[in-house]
Amino acid sequence: MNSIYHKNLRTVNFFCAATQAQSVNLVGDFNQWNPSTHPMKQMPDKSWMLGVELKHGHHRYAFLVDGVLTLDPRAQGITRNDKGERVSLIPVS
């Protein structure tokens, strides 16, 4: 059954250009907005990257840059989370 489940997942690469940041975490509806679940990795050019497996559908997310909720300028759209904060939107198909 797990193999069927994994076929419904797609790896999505998230990039954040916060070169001065000490830490960047990916938060979203796919991890219950938990900042400790998806810490991003700093690349040699000082930008941040993380690949996450997401299921089909639309996902709300944002970057936590040094604890500050930050929109993704490369996102497909902007929506609001359950707290009414503006967050980014990505479709996965």
C-alpha atoms as a PDB file:
ATOM      1  CA  MET A   1       0.000   0.000   0.000  1.00  0.00           C
ATOM      2  CA  ASN A   2       2.894   2.392   0.672  1.00  0.00           C
ATOM      3  CA  SER A   3       4.105   2.156  -2.935  1.00  0.00           C
ATOM      4  CA  ILE A   4       0.700   3.307  -4.173  1.00  0.00           C
ATOM      5  CA  TYR A   5       0.776   6.206  -1.711  1.00  0.00           C
ATOM      6  CA  HIS A   6       4.243   7.313  -2.842  1.00  0.00           C
ATOM      7  CA  LYS A   7       3.124   7.445  -6.478  1.00  0.00           C
ATOM      8  CA  ASN A   8       0.802  10.285  -5.465  1.00  0.00           C
ATOM      9  CA  LEU A   9       3.708  12.377  -4.128  1.00  0.00           C
ATOM     10  CA  ARG A  10       5.839  14.788  -6.105  1.00  0.00           C
ATOM     11  CA  THR A  11       9.090  16.351  -4.937  1.00  0.00           C
ATOM     12  CA  VAL A  12       8.823  20.138  -4.965  1.00  0.00           C
ATOM     13  CA  ASN A  13      11.979  22.218  -4.572  1.00  0.00           C
ATOM     14  CA  PHE A  14      11.555  25.420  -2.580  1.00  0.00           C
ATOM     15  CA  PHE A  15      14.096  28.238  -2.883  1.00  0.00           C
ATOM     16  CA  CYS A  16      14.490  31.278  -0.638  1.00  0.00           C
ATOM     17  CA  ALA A  17      16.971  34.027  -1.500  1.00  0.00           C
ATOM     18  CA  ALA A  18      17.386  35.335   2.078  1.00  0.00           C
ATOM     19  CA  THR A  19      21.191  35.474   1.880  1.00  0.00           C
ATOM     20  CA  GLN A  20      21.589  37.391   5.164  1.00  0.00           C
ATOM     21  CA  ALA A  21      19.365  35.036   7.193  1.00  0.00           C
ATOM     22  CA  GLN A  22      20.652  32.933  10.071  1.00  0.00           C
ATOM     23  CA  SER A  23      17.877  30.357   9.582  1.00  0.00           C
ATOM     24  CA  VAL A  24      15.039  29.685   7.163  1.00  0.00           C
ATOM     25  CA  ASN A  25      12.275  27.140   7.736  1.00  0.00           C
ATOM     26  CA  LEU A  26       9.506  26.042   5.395  1.00  0.00           C
ATOM     27  CA  VAL A  27       6.063  26.075   7.016  1.00  0.00           C
ATOM     28  CA  GLY A  28       2.733  25.184   5.467  1.00  0.00           C
ATOM     29  CA  ASP A  29      -0.464  23.200   5.637  1.00  0.00           C
ATOM     30  CA  PHE A  30       1.576  20.064   4.803  1.00  0.00           C
ATOM     31  CA  ASN A  31       3.418  20.285   8.167  1.00  0.00           C
ATOM     32  CA  GLN A  32       0.743  21.981  10.311  1.00  0.00           C
ATOM     33  CA  TRP A  33       2.778  25.236  10.135  1.00  0.00           C
ATOM     34  CA  ASN A  34       5.390  23.676  12.428  1.00  0.00           C
ATOM     35  CA  PRO A  35       8.686  25.590  12.057  1.00  0.00           C
ATOM     36  CA  SER A  36      10.848  22.694  13.264  1.00  0.00           C
ATOM     37  CA  THR A  37       9.598  20.164  10.675  1.00  0.00           C
ATOM     38  CA  HIS A  38      11.295  21.511   7.523  1.00  0.00           C
ATOM     39  CA  PRO A  39      14.489  23.498   8.165  1.00  0.00           C
ATOM     40  CA  MET A  40      15.948  24.686   4.862  1.00  0.00           C
ATOM     41  CA  LYS A  41      19.580  24.103   3.873  1.00  0.00           C
ATOM     42  CA  GLN A  42      21.862  27.006   3.013  1.00  0.00           C
ATOM     43  CA  MET A  43      23.542  26.647  -0.381  1.00  0.00           C
ATOM     44  CA  PRO A  44      27.062  27.844  -1.313  1.00  0.00           C
ATOM     45  CA  ASP A  45      25.560  31.042  -2.817  1.00  0.00           C
ATOM     46  CA  LYS A  46      23.909  31.714   0.601  1.00  0.00           C
ATOM     47  CA  SER A  47      20.371  31.123  -0.712  1.00  0.00           C
ATOM     48  CA  TRP A  48      18.254  28.425   0.922  1.00  0.00           C
ATOM     49  CA  MET A  49      16.763  25.272  -0.616  1.00  0.00           C
ATOM     50  CA  LEU A  50      14.659  22.311   0.426  1.00  0.00           C
ATOM     51  CA  GLY A  51      12.946  19.526  -1.498  1.00  0.00           C
ATOM     52  CA  VAL A  52       9.661  18.298  -0.005  1.00  0.00           C
ATOM     53  CA  GLU A  53       7.359  15.505  -1.174  1.00  0.00           C
ATOM     54  CA  LEU A  54       3.837  16.882  -1.516  1.00  0.00           C
ATOM     55  CA  LYS A  55       0.621  15.244  -2.603  1.00  0.00           C
ATOM     56  CA  HIS A  56      -1.531  16.452  -5.480  1.00  0.00           C
ATOM     57  CA  GLY A  57      -3.503  19.621  -4.792  1.00  0.00           C
ATOM     58  CA  HIS A  58      -2.962  23.210  -3.685  1.00  0.00           C
ATOM     59  CA  HIS A  59      -0.729  23.872  -0.701  1.00  0.00           C
ATOM     60  CA  ARG A  60      -0.413  27.007   1.407  1.00  0.00           C
ATOM     61  CA  TYR A  61       3.094  27.774   2.657  1.00  0.00           C
ATOM     62  CA  ALA A  62       5.577  30.457   3.649  1.00  0.00           C
ATOM     63  CA  PHE A  63       9.187  30.848   4.665  1.00  0.00           C
ATOM     64  CA  LEU A  64      10.088  31.647   8.261  1.00  0.00           C
ATOM     65  CA  VAL A  65      13.157  33.834   7.780  1.00  0.00           C
ATOM     66  CA  ASP A  66      14.790  34.329  11.185  1.00  0.00           C
ATOM     67  CA  GLY A  67      11.310  33.801  12.662  1.00  0.00           C
ATOM     68  CA  VAL A  68       9.519  36.251  10.330  1.00  0.00           C
ATOM     69  CA  LEU A  69       6.734  34.865   8.107  1.00  0.00           C
ATOM     70  CA  THR A  70       7.815  35.692   4.544  1.00  0.00           C
ATOM     71  CA  LEU A  71       6.025  35.240   1.216  1.00  0.00           C
ATOM     72  CA  ASP A  72       7.710  33.403  -1.665  1.00  0.00           C
ATOM     73  CA  PRO A  73       8.128  35.836  -4.597  1.00  0.00           C
ATOM     74  CA  ARG A  74       8.192  32.808  -6.944  1.00  0.00           C
ATOM     75  CA  ALA A  75       4.846  31.427  -5.682  1.00  0.00           C
ATOM     76  CA  GLN A  76       1.927  30.747  -8.009  1.00  0.00           C
ATOM     77  CA  GLY A  77      -0.367  32.880  -5.881  1.00  0.00           C
ATOM     78  CA  ILE A  78      -1.110  34.438  -2.515  1.00  0.00           C
ATOM     79  CA  THR A  79      -3.821  33.340  -0.103  1.00  0.00           C
ATOM     80  CA  ARG A  80      -4.359  33.406   3.667  1.00  0.00           C
ATOM     81  CA  ASN A  81      -3.679  30.831   6.363  1.00  0.00           C
ATOM     82  CA  ASP A  82      -6.094  29.978   9.175  1.00  0.00           C
ATOM     83  CA  LYS A  83      -4.780  32.957  11.197  1.00  0.00           C
ATOM     84  CA  GLY A  84      -5.563  35.351   8.321  1.00  0.00           C
ATOM     85  CA  GLU A  85      -1.887  35.932   7.505  1.00  0.00           C
ATOM     86  CA  ARG A  86      -0.883  36.299   3.873  1.00  0.00           C
ATOM     87  CA  VAL A  87       0.910  33.180   2.658  1.00  0.00           C
ATOM     88  CA  SER A  88       2.068  31.706  -0.635  1.00  0.00           C
ATOM     89  CA  LEU A  89       0.192  29.141  -2.718  1.00  0.00           C
ATOM     90  CA  ILE A  90       1.588  26.334  -4.856  1.00  0.00           C
ATOM     91  CA  PRO A  91      -0.308  23.858  -7.038  1.00  0.00           C
ATOM     92  CA  VAL A  92       1.063  20.313  -7.241  1.00  0.00           C
ATOM     93  CA  SER A  93      -0.065  17.968  -9.992  1.00  0.00           C
END
